[in-house]
């Protein structure tokens, strides 16, 4: 009789182990598929420069020109998107050999920057910035964030970046 109970116990244990093993075979690939992005940086934005147009559209000595910075491709964990607007930039050419490019994002709390004819301004908290990007007044704790740029084959290329808000130091986000 004791031998019969041991046999039944073993069969129950073996059946549970077999069922659990088969369950793992089914669940493991699904868990891997859905759990894969966890703990990884899953959204990528371009680190390469982005073409924002021909250099002649930015006239020397004229008011700054606002341009959209559009990434040709951005990917996340599962999909890729084409032609994604990353933000806006302001381009100024005070001299034929000088090109200044500023992020269109206020360094205070991230509102969009405008140009009022003489200076950049943030409509949210009334921060004002000189044409050179230097902070003049308002709640922003630093000047406008300059973006890297280069001219290649007659086109202006901008390297898009975002920065930590509401700090005095320009720190990449």
N, C-alpha and C. Protein backbone atom coordinates (compact mmCIF):
# COMPACT_ATOMS: atom_id res chain seq x y z
N UNK A 1 0.82 -1.19 0.00
CA UNK A 1 0.00 0.00 0.00
C UNK A 1 0.87 1.26 0.00
N UNK A 2 1.93 1.26 0.79
CA UNK A 2 2.82 2.42 0.84
C UNK A 2 3.52 2.60 -0.49
N UNK A 3 3.82 1.44 -1.12
CA UNK A 3 4.46 1.51 -2.42
C UNK A 3 3.53 2.15 -3.46
N UNK A 4 2.22 1.87 -3.35
CA UNK A 4 1.22 2.45 -4.26
C UNK A 4 1.16 3.96 -4.09
N UNK A 5 1.21 4.46 -2.83
CA UNK A 5 1.19 5.91 -2.56
C UNK A 5 2.43 6.59 -3.11
N UNK A 6 3.58 5.96 -2.92
CA UNK A 6 4.81 6.53 -3.46
C UNK A 6 4.76 6.62 -4.98
N UNK A 7 4.19 5.61 -5.60
CA UNK A 7 4.08 5.60 -7.05
C UNK A 7 3.14 6.72 -7.51
N UNK A 8 1.99 6.87 -6.83
CA UNK A 8 1.04 7.93 -7.17
C UNK A 8 1.66 9.31 -6.97
N UNK A 9 2.38 9.47 -5.88
CA UNK A 9 3.05 10.75 -5.61
C UNK A 9 4.07 11.08 -6.69
N UNK A 10 4.81 10.05 -7.08
CA UNK A 10 5.80 10.27 -8.14
C UNK A 10 5.11 10.65 -9.44
N UNK A 11 4.01 9.98 -9.79
CA UNK A 11 3.29 10.28 -11.03
C UNK A 11 2.71 11.70 -10.99
N UNK A 12 2.19 12.11 -9.85
CA UNK A 12 1.68 13.49 -9.72
C UNK A 12 2.80 14.50 -9.92
N UNK A 13 3.91 14.24 -9.26
CA UNK A 13 5.06 15.14 -9.37
C UNK A 13 5.59 15.19 -10.81
N UNK A 14 5.68 14.03 -11.45
CA UNK A 14 6.17 13.97 -12.83
C UNK A 14 5.21 14.69 -13.77
N UNK A 15 3.90 14.54 -13.56
CA UNK A 15 2.90 15.22 -14.40
C UNK A 15 3.00 16.73 -14.23
N UNK A 16 3.13 17.20 -13.00
CA UNK A 16 3.28 18.65 -12.74
C UNK A 16 4.56 19.18 -13.37
N UNK A 17 5.64 18.46 -13.25
CA UNK A 17 6.92 18.90 -13.82
C UNK A 17 6.83 18.97 -15.34
N UNK A 18 6.20 17.96 -15.95
CA UNK A 18 6.04 17.94 -17.40
C UNK A 18 5.15 19.10 -17.86
N UNK A 19 4.05 19.32 -17.17
CA UNK A 19 3.15 20.45 -17.50
C UNK A 19 3.84 21.79 -17.33
N UNK A 20 4.60 21.93 -16.25
CA UNK A 20 5.34 23.18 -16.03
C UNK A 20 6.39 23.41 -17.10
N UNK A 21 7.08 22.35 -17.48
CA UNK A 21 8.10 22.46 -18.54
C UNK A 21 7.47 22.88 -19.86
N UNK A 22 6.34 22.25 -20.21
CA UNK A 22 5.65 22.63 -21.45
C UNK A 22 5.15 24.08 -21.37
N UNK A 23 4.67 24.48 -20.21
CA UNK A 23 4.23 25.88 -20.04
C UNK A 23 5.37 26.86 -20.25
N UNK A 24 6.55 26.54 -19.72
CA UNK A 24 7.72 27.40 -19.92
C UNK A 24 8.11 27.50 -21.39
N UNK A 25 7.98 26.39 -22.10
CA UNK A 25 8.30 26.40 -23.53
C UNK A 25 7.40 27.39 -24.27
N UNK A 26 6.16 27.50 -23.85
CA UNK A 26 5.22 28.42 -24.49
C UNK A 26 5.42 29.86 -24.00
N UNK A 27 5.60 30.05 -22.71
CA UNK A 27 5.66 31.38 -22.11
C UNK A 27 7.01 32.07 -22.32
N UNK A 28 8.10 31.35 -22.31
CA UNK A 28 9.44 31.97 -22.38
C UNK A 28 9.64 32.83 -23.62
N UNK A 29 9.29 32.37 -24.83
CA UNK A 29 9.49 33.25 -25.99
C UNK A 29 8.63 34.51 -25.93
N UNK A 30 7.40 34.39 -25.43
CA UNK A 30 6.54 35.57 -25.33
C UNK A 30 7.09 36.55 -24.31
N UNK A 31 7.58 36.05 -23.19
CA UNK A 31 8.16 36.93 -22.17
C UNK A 31 9.40 37.62 -22.71
N UNK A 32 10.18 36.90 -23.48
CA UNK A 32 11.39 37.49 -24.07
C UNK A 32 11.02 38.57 -25.07
N UNK A 33 10.00 38.32 -25.87
CA UNK A 33 9.56 39.30 -26.87
C UNK A 33 9.10 40.59 -26.21
N UNK A 34 8.24 40.48 -25.20
CA UNK A 34 7.68 41.67 -24.58
C UNK A 34 8.60 42.28 -23.53
N UNK A 35 9.47 41.50 -22.95
CA UNK A 35 10.36 42.02 -21.92
C UNK A 35 11.67 42.54 -22.45
N UNK A 36 11.97 42.29 -23.72
CA UNK A 36 13.26 42.67 -24.30
C UNK A 36 13.58 44.16 -24.15
N UNK A 37 12.65 45.08 -24.43
CA UNK A 37 13.02 46.50 -24.32
C UNK A 37 13.23 46.99 -22.90
N UNK A 38 12.77 46.24 -21.91
CA UNK A 38 12.89 46.70 -20.53
C UNK A 38 14.36 46.92 -20.18
N UNK A 39 14.64 48.09 -19.65
CA UNK A 39 15.99 48.40 -19.22
C UNK A 39 16.91 48.88 -20.33
N UNK A 40 16.38 49.00 -21.53
CA UNK A 40 17.18 49.48 -22.64
C UNK A 40 16.70 50.85 -23.08
N UNK A 41 17.56 51.60 -23.72
CA UNK A 41 17.13 52.82 -24.37
C UNK A 41 16.46 52.38 -25.66
N UNK A 42 15.15 52.61 -25.76
CA UNK A 42 14.41 52.06 -26.89
C UNK A 42 14.06 53.10 -27.94
N UNK A 43 14.18 54.36 -27.64
CA UNK A 43 13.90 55.38 -28.64
C UNK A 43 15.22 56.00 -29.05
N UNK A 44 15.45 56.04 -30.33
CA UNK A 44 16.68 56.63 -30.82
C UNK A 44 16.35 57.88 -31.62
N UNK A 45 17.13 58.87 -31.46
CA UNK A 45 17.02 60.04 -32.32
C UNK A 45 18.37 60.19 -33.00
N UNK A 46 18.37 60.83 -34.12
CA UNK A 46 19.62 60.89 -34.89
C UNK A 46 20.73 61.60 -34.15
N UNK A 47 21.90 61.04 -34.21
CA UNK A 47 23.07 61.72 -33.66
C UNK A 47 23.87 62.35 -34.79
N UNK A 48 23.48 62.01 -36.01
CA UNK A 48 24.12 62.57 -37.19
C UNK A 48 23.47 63.92 -37.52
N UNK A 49 24.21 64.81 -38.16
CA UNK A 49 23.62 66.10 -38.56
C UNK A 49 22.45 65.92 -39.52
N UNK A 50 21.52 66.87 -39.46
CA UNK A 50 20.31 66.85 -40.28
C UNK A 50 20.32 68.07 -41.20
N UNK A 51 20.04 67.86 -42.46
CA UNK A 51 20.00 68.93 -43.46
C UNK A 51 18.75 69.79 -43.22
N UNK A 52 18.95 71.09 -42.99
CA UNK A 52 17.82 72.00 -42.77
C UNK A 52 17.62 72.97 -43.93
N UNK A 53 18.40 72.81 -44.99
CA UNK A 53 18.15 73.63 -46.17
C UNK A 53 19.39 74.27 -46.74
N UNK A 54 19.22 74.89 -47.91
CA UNK A 54 20.35 75.56 -48.55
C UNK A 54 20.81 76.77 -47.75
N UNK A 55 22.11 76.99 -47.76
CA UNK A 55 22.69 78.08 -46.99
C UNK A 55 22.14 79.44 -47.42
N UNK A 56 21.82 79.61 -48.71
CA UNK A 56 21.36 80.92 -49.17
C UNK A 56 20.00 81.32 -48.60
N UNK A 57 19.26 80.39 -48.01
CA UNK A 57 17.99 80.79 -47.38
C UNK A 57 18.22 81.54 -46.06
N UNK A 58 19.44 81.49 -45.56
CA UNK A 58 19.79 82.20 -44.32
C UNK A 58 20.64 83.41 -44.71
N UNK A 59 20.00 84.54 -44.92
CA UNK A 59 20.70 85.73 -45.44
C UNK A 59 21.55 86.40 -44.37
N UNK A 60 22.72 86.84 -44.80
CA UNK A 60 23.66 87.53 -43.91
C UNK A 60 23.05 88.85 -43.46
N UNK A 61 23.08 89.09 -42.14
CA UNK A 61 22.62 90.35 -41.57
C UNK A 61 21.12 90.48 -41.41
N UNK A 62 20.34 89.48 -41.82
CA UNK A 62 18.89 89.57 -41.67
C UNK A 62 18.46 88.97 -40.34
N UNK A 63 17.17 89.04 -40.07
CA UNK A 63 16.62 88.48 -38.83
C UNK A 63 16.84 86.97 -38.81
N UNK A 64 16.93 86.39 -37.63
CA UNK A 64 17.08 84.93 -37.53
C UNK A 64 15.93 84.21 -38.24
N UNK A 65 16.23 83.06 -38.77
CA UNK A 65 15.24 82.25 -39.48
C UNK A 65 14.94 81.00 -38.66
N UNK A 66 13.66 80.74 -38.45
CA UNK A 66 13.24 79.54 -37.72
C UNK A 66 13.12 78.39 -38.71
N UNK A 67 13.71 77.25 -38.36
CA UNK A 67 13.63 76.05 -39.21
C UNK A 67 13.16 74.87 -38.38
N UNK A 68 12.43 73.98 -39.03
CA UNK A 68 12.05 72.72 -38.39
C UNK A 68 13.19 71.74 -38.57
N UNK A 69 13.50 71.02 -37.51
CA UNK A 69 14.53 69.99 -37.57
C UNK A 69 13.79 68.65 -37.69
N UNK A 70 13.88 68.06 -38.88
CA UNK A 70 13.12 66.85 -39.19
C UNK A 70 14.08 65.68 -39.39
N UNK A 71 13.93 64.67 -38.55
CA UNK A 71 14.78 63.48 -38.66
C UNK A 71 14.24 62.58 -39.76
N UNK A 72 15.12 62.07 -40.60
CA UNK A 72 14.65 61.18 -41.65
C UNK A 72 14.07 59.87 -41.11
N UNK A 73 14.58 59.42 -39.93
CA UNK A 73 14.10 58.15 -39.36
C UNK A 73 14.37 58.15 -37.85
N UNK A 74 13.35 57.75 -37.08
CA UNK A 74 13.47 57.58 -35.64
C UNK A 74 12.89 56.21 -35.31
N UNK A 75 13.57 55.46 -34.46
CA UNK A 75 13.08 54.13 -34.10
C UNK A 75 12.81 54.04 -32.61
N UNK A 76 11.84 53.19 -32.27
CA UNK A 76 11.62 52.86 -30.86
C UNK A 76 11.75 51.33 -30.76
N UNK A 77 11.24 50.75 -29.71
CA UNK A 77 11.45 49.32 -29.48
C UNK A 77 10.84 48.44 -30.56
N UNK A 78 9.72 48.88 -31.15
CA UNK A 78 9.02 48.02 -32.08
C UNK A 78 8.85 48.60 -33.48
N UNK A 79 8.99 49.89 -33.64
CA UNK A 79 8.67 50.49 -34.94
C UNK A 79 9.67 51.57 -35.31
N UNK A 80 9.66 51.91 -36.58
CA UNK A 80 10.47 53.02 -37.08
C UNK A 80 9.52 54.02 -37.72
N UNK A 81 9.76 55.29 -37.48
CA UNK A 81 8.95 56.36 -38.06
C UNK A 81 9.82 57.19 -38.99
N UNK A 82 9.23 57.62 -40.08
CA UNK A 82 9.94 58.42 -41.06
C UNK A 82 9.57 59.89 -40.90
N UNK A 83 10.48 60.78 -41.17
CA UNK A 83 10.25 62.23 -41.20
C UNK A 83 9.60 62.74 -39.91
N UNK A 84 10.30 62.59 -38.81
CA UNK A 84 9.80 62.99 -37.49
C UNK A 84 10.35 64.37 -37.14
N UNK A 85 9.45 65.30 -36.78
CA UNK A 85 9.88 66.64 -36.37
C UNK A 85 10.42 66.54 -34.95
N UNK A 86 11.71 66.83 -34.80
CA UNK A 86 12.35 66.77 -33.48
C UNK A 86 12.17 68.07 -32.72
N UNK A 87 12.07 69.17 -33.44
CA UNK A 87 11.94 70.47 -32.82
C UNK A 87 12.23 71.57 -33.82
N UNK A 88 12.49 72.75 -33.29
CA UNK A 88 12.80 73.90 -34.14
C UNK A 88 14.14 74.49 -33.72
N UNK A 89 14.76 75.16 -34.65
CA UNK A 89 16.02 75.84 -34.39
C UNK A 89 15.96 77.22 -35.03
N UNK A 90 16.72 78.14 -34.46
CA UNK A 90 16.85 79.49 -35.01
C UNK A 90 18.24 79.64 -35.59
N UNK A 91 18.31 80.09 -36.84
CA UNK A 91 19.58 80.25 -37.54
C UNK A 91 19.81 81.73 -37.80
N UNK A 92 21.01 82.18 -37.48
CA UNK A 92 21.38 83.60 -37.65
C UNK A 92 22.75 83.66 -38.31
N UNK A 93 22.87 84.58 -39.29
CA UNK A 93 24.16 84.78 -39.97
C UNK A 93 24.56 86.24 -39.83
N UNK A 94 25.22 86.59 -38.75
CA UNK A 94 25.62 87.99 -38.57
C UNK A 94 26.74 88.40 -39.52
N UNK A 95 27.43 87.41 -40.07
CA UNK A 95 28.60 87.65 -40.91
C UNK A 95 28.65 86.50 -41.93
N UNK A 96 29.19 86.73 -43.13
CA UNK A 96 29.23 85.64 -44.12
C UNK A 96 29.96 84.39 -43.63
N UNK A 97 30.87 84.53 -42.70
CA UNK A 97 31.65 83.38 -42.22
C UNK A 97 31.14 82.84 -40.88
N UNK A 98 30.09 83.45 -40.33
CA UNK A 98 29.59 83.05 -39.02
C UNK A 98 28.14 82.58 -39.14
N UNK A 99 27.88 81.39 -38.61
CA UNK A 99 26.51 80.88 -38.55
C UNK A 99 26.25 80.49 -37.09
N UNK A 100 25.20 81.07 -36.53
CA UNK A 100 24.80 80.75 -35.15
C UNK A 100 23.48 79.98 -35.22
N UNK A 101 23.43 78.86 -34.53
CA UNK A 101 22.22 78.05 -34.50
C UNK A 101 21.85 77.81 -33.04
N UNK A 102 20.61 78.17 -32.70
CA UNK A 102 20.12 78.00 -31.33
C UNK A 102 18.90 77.08 -31.33
N UNK A 103 18.78 76.28 -30.29
CA UNK A 103 17.59 75.47 -30.10
C UNK A 103 16.40 76.40 -29.94
N UNK A 104 15.26 76.01 -30.49
CA UNK A 104 14.04 76.79 -30.35
C UNK A 104 13.30 76.51 -29.06
N UNK A 105 13.97 75.83 -28.13
CA UNK A 105 13.37 75.46 -26.85
C UNK A 105 13.94 76.34 -25.75
N UNK A 106 13.06 76.98 -24.98
CA UNK A 106 13.52 77.83 -23.87
C UNK A 106 14.21 76.97 -22.81
N UNK A 107 15.38 77.38 -22.35
CA UNK A 107 16.10 76.59 -21.34
C UNK A 107 15.46 76.65 -19.95
N UNK A 108 14.41 77.46 -19.79
CA UNK A 108 13.75 77.52 -18.49
C UNK A 108 12.87 76.28 -18.30
N UNK A 109 11.76 76.22 -19.05
CA UNK A 109 10.85 75.08 -18.89
C UNK A 109 10.42 74.45 -20.22
N UNK A 110 11.10 74.79 -21.31
CA UNK A 110 10.87 74.10 -22.56
C UNK A 110 9.82 74.67 -23.49
N UNK A 111 9.38 75.89 -23.27
CA UNK A 111 8.43 76.52 -24.19
C UNK A 111 9.13 76.87 -25.50
N UNK A 112 8.35 77.12 -26.54
CA UNK A 112 8.91 77.52 -27.82
C UNK A 112 9.36 78.97 -27.81
N UNK A 113 10.53 79.23 -28.35
CA UNK A 113 11.11 80.58 -28.41
C UNK A 113 10.62 81.28 -29.68
N UNK A 114 10.38 82.58 -29.57
CA UNK A 114 10.02 83.39 -30.73
C UNK A 114 11.02 84.52 -30.92
N UNK A 115 10.88 85.25 -32.03
CA UNK A 115 11.73 86.40 -32.34
C UNK A 115 10.82 87.61 -32.47
N UNK A 116 11.09 88.68 -31.73
CA UNK A 116 10.21 89.85 -31.77
C UNK A 116 10.76 91.00 -32.61
N UNK A 117 11.79 90.75 -33.38
CA UNK A 117 12.37 91.79 -34.22
C UNK A 117 13.70 92.30 -33.71
N UNK A 118 13.92 92.19 -32.40
CA UNK A 118 15.19 92.64 -31.82
C UNK A 118 15.81 91.60 -30.89
N UNK A 119 15.01 90.67 -30.39
CA UNK A 119 15.51 89.67 -29.45
C UNK A 119 14.63 88.42 -29.48
N UNK A 120 15.21 87.33 -28.97
CA UNK A 120 14.44 86.10 -28.79
C UNK A 120 13.66 86.26 -27.50
N UNK A 121 12.46 85.67 -27.47
CA UNK A 121 11.67 85.75 -26.24
C UNK A 121 10.84 84.49 -26.05
N UNK A 122 10.63 84.19 -24.78
CA UNK A 122 9.80 83.06 -24.40
C UNK A 122 8.46 83.61 -23.93
N UNK A 123 7.36 83.25 -24.57
CA UNK A 123 6.07 83.79 -24.18
C UNK A 123 5.53 83.22 -22.86
N UNK A 124 6.08 82.13 -22.39
CA UNK A 124 5.55 81.48 -21.19
C UNK A 124 5.88 82.24 -19.90
N UNK A 125 7.15 82.58 -19.73
CA UNK A 125 7.58 83.22 -18.48
C UNK A 125 8.40 84.48 -18.74
N UNK A 126 8.28 85.01 -19.94
CA UNK A 126 8.87 86.30 -20.32
C UNK A 126 10.39 86.37 -20.23
N UNK A 127 11.05 85.26 -20.47
CA UNK A 127 12.51 85.31 -20.57
C UNK A 127 12.87 85.95 -21.90
N UNK A 128 13.94 86.75 -21.89
CA UNK A 128 14.39 87.42 -23.11
C UNK A 128 15.86 87.12 -23.32
N UNK A 129 16.23 86.99 -24.60
CA UNK A 129 17.59 86.63 -24.98
C UNK A 129 18.06 87.55 -26.10
N UNK A 130 19.32 87.94 -26.04
CA UNK A 130 19.90 88.79 -27.09
C UNK A 130 19.97 88.00 -28.40
N UNK A 131 20.22 88.71 -29.49
CA UNK A 131 20.37 88.06 -30.79
C UNK A 131 21.50 87.03 -30.77
N UNK A 132 22.46 87.22 -29.90
CA UNK A 132 23.59 86.28 -29.76
C UNK A 132 23.24 85.07 -28.90
N UNK A 133 22.01 85.02 -28.36
CA UNK A 133 21.57 83.91 -27.53
C UNK A 133 21.79 84.11 -26.05
N UNK A 134 22.47 85.19 -25.67
CA UNK A 134 22.74 85.43 -24.24
C UNK A 134 21.46 85.82 -23.51
N UNK A 135 21.32 85.34 -22.28
CA UNK A 135 20.17 85.67 -21.45
C UNK A 135 20.20 87.14 -21.09
N UNK A 136 19.06 87.81 -21.25
CA UNK A 136 18.96 89.22 -20.88
C UNK A 136 18.09 89.42 -19.64
N UNK A 137 16.95 88.73 -19.57
CA UNK A 137 16.07 88.87 -18.42
C UNK A 137 15.10 87.70 -18.37
N UNK A 138 14.36 87.62 -17.27
CA UNK A 138 13.36 86.57 -17.13
C UNK A 138 13.83 85.43 -16.25
N UNK A 139 13.04 84.37 -16.23
CA UNK A 139 13.30 83.25 -15.32
C UNK A 139 14.31 82.24 -15.82
N UNK A 140 14.64 82.28 -17.10
CA UNK A 140 15.65 81.33 -17.61
C UNK A 140 16.97 81.58 -16.89
N UNK A 141 17.67 80.50 -16.54
CA UNK A 141 18.92 80.63 -15.78
C UNK A 141 20.16 80.60 -16.66
N UNK A 142 19.97 80.40 -17.96
CA UNK A 142 21.11 80.43 -18.89
C UNK A 142 20.62 80.95 -20.24
N UNK A 143 21.56 81.21 -21.11
CA UNK A 143 21.22 81.66 -22.46
C UNK A 143 20.66 80.52 -23.30
N UNK A 144 20.31 80.84 -24.54
CA UNK A 144 19.79 79.82 -25.44
C UNK A 144 20.86 78.76 -25.69
N UNK A 145 20.41 77.55 -25.92
CA UNK A 145 21.32 76.43 -26.16
C UNK A 145 21.76 76.42 -27.62
N UNK A 146 23.06 76.60 -27.83
CA UNK A 146 23.62 76.56 -29.19
C UNK A 146 23.67 75.11 -29.66
N UNK A 147 23.39 74.92 -30.94
CA UNK A 147 23.46 73.59 -31.55
C UNK A 147 24.63 73.55 -32.51
N UNK A 148 25.26 72.41 -32.61
CA UNK A 148 26.37 72.24 -33.55
C UNK A 148 25.83 72.28 -34.97
N UNK A 149 26.60 72.91 -35.85
CA UNK A 149 26.19 72.99 -37.25
C UNK A 149 27.41 72.95 -38.15
N UNK A 150 27.16 72.64 -39.41
CA UNK A 150 28.23 72.68 -40.41
C UNK A 150 27.60 72.91 -41.77
N UNK A 151 28.40 73.43 -42.69
CA UNK A 151 27.95 73.64 -44.06
C UNK A 151 28.61 72.57 -44.92
N UNK A 152 27.78 71.88 -45.69
CA UNK A 152 28.28 70.82 -46.56
C UNK A 152 27.54 70.90 -47.89
N UNK A 153 28.28 71.05 -48.97
CA UNK A 153 27.69 71.13 -50.31
C UNK A 153 26.62 72.21 -50.41
N UNK A 154 26.86 73.35 -49.77
CA UNK A 154 25.93 74.48 -49.86
C UNK A 154 24.69 74.36 -49.00
N UNK A 155 24.62 73.35 -48.13
CA UNK A 155 23.48 73.16 -47.24
C UNK A 155 23.93 73.27 -45.79
N UNK A 156 23.02 73.75 -44.94
CA UNK A 156 23.29 73.83 -43.51
C UNK A 156 22.81 72.54 -42.85
N UNK A 157 23.68 71.94 -42.08
CA UNK A 157 23.39 70.70 -41.35
C UNK A 157 23.47 70.99 -39.86
N UNK A 158 22.45 70.57 -39.11
CA UNK A 158 22.36 70.81 -37.67
C UNK A 158 22.36 69.47 -36.94
N UNK A 159 23.12 69.39 -35.86
CA UNK A 159 23.08 68.22 -34.99
C UNK A 159 22.11 68.54 -33.85
N UNK A 160 20.96 67.87 -33.85
CA UNK A 160 19.92 68.12 -32.85
C UNK A 160 20.33 67.56 -31.50
N UNK A 161 20.02 68.30 -30.45
CA UNK A 161 20.28 67.84 -29.08
C UNK A 161 19.26 68.49 -28.16
N UNK A 162 18.98 67.82 -27.05
CA UNK A 162 18.14 68.40 -26.01
C UNK A 162 18.97 68.53 -24.74
N UNK A 163 18.54 69.45 -23.88
CA UNK A 163 19.32 69.76 -22.69
C UNK A 163 18.42 69.80 -21.47
N UNK A 164 19.02 69.59 -20.30
CA UNK A 164 18.29 69.63 -19.04
C UNK A 164 17.74 71.04 -18.84
N UNK A 165 16.47 71.12 -18.46
CA UNK A 165 15.80 72.40 -18.28
C UNK A 165 16.09 73.01 -16.90
N UNK A 166 15.93 74.30 -16.83
CA UNK A 166 15.96 75.08 -15.59
C UNK A 166 17.23 74.88 -14.77
N UNK A 167 18.36 74.85 -15.45
CA UNK A 167 19.66 74.82 -14.77
C UNK A 167 20.53 75.91 -15.38
N UNK A 168 21.55 76.31 -14.67
CA UNK A 168 22.44 77.33 -15.20
C UNK A 168 23.48 76.73 -16.15
N UNK A 169 23.67 75.42 -16.06
CA UNK A 169 24.66 74.75 -16.93
C UNK A 169 23.95 74.08 -18.10
N UNK A 170 24.59 74.12 -19.25
CA UNK A 170 24.06 73.46 -20.45
C UNK A 170 24.48 71.99 -20.37
N UNK A 171 23.55 71.14 -19.92
CA UNK A 171 23.82 69.73 -19.73
C UNK A 171 22.94 68.91 -20.67
N UNK A 172 23.54 68.04 -21.50
CA UNK A 172 22.72 67.21 -22.39
C UNK A 172 21.72 66.37 -21.61
N UNK A 173 20.51 66.27 -22.15
CA UNK A 173 19.45 65.48 -21.48
C UNK A 173 19.59 64.01 -21.81
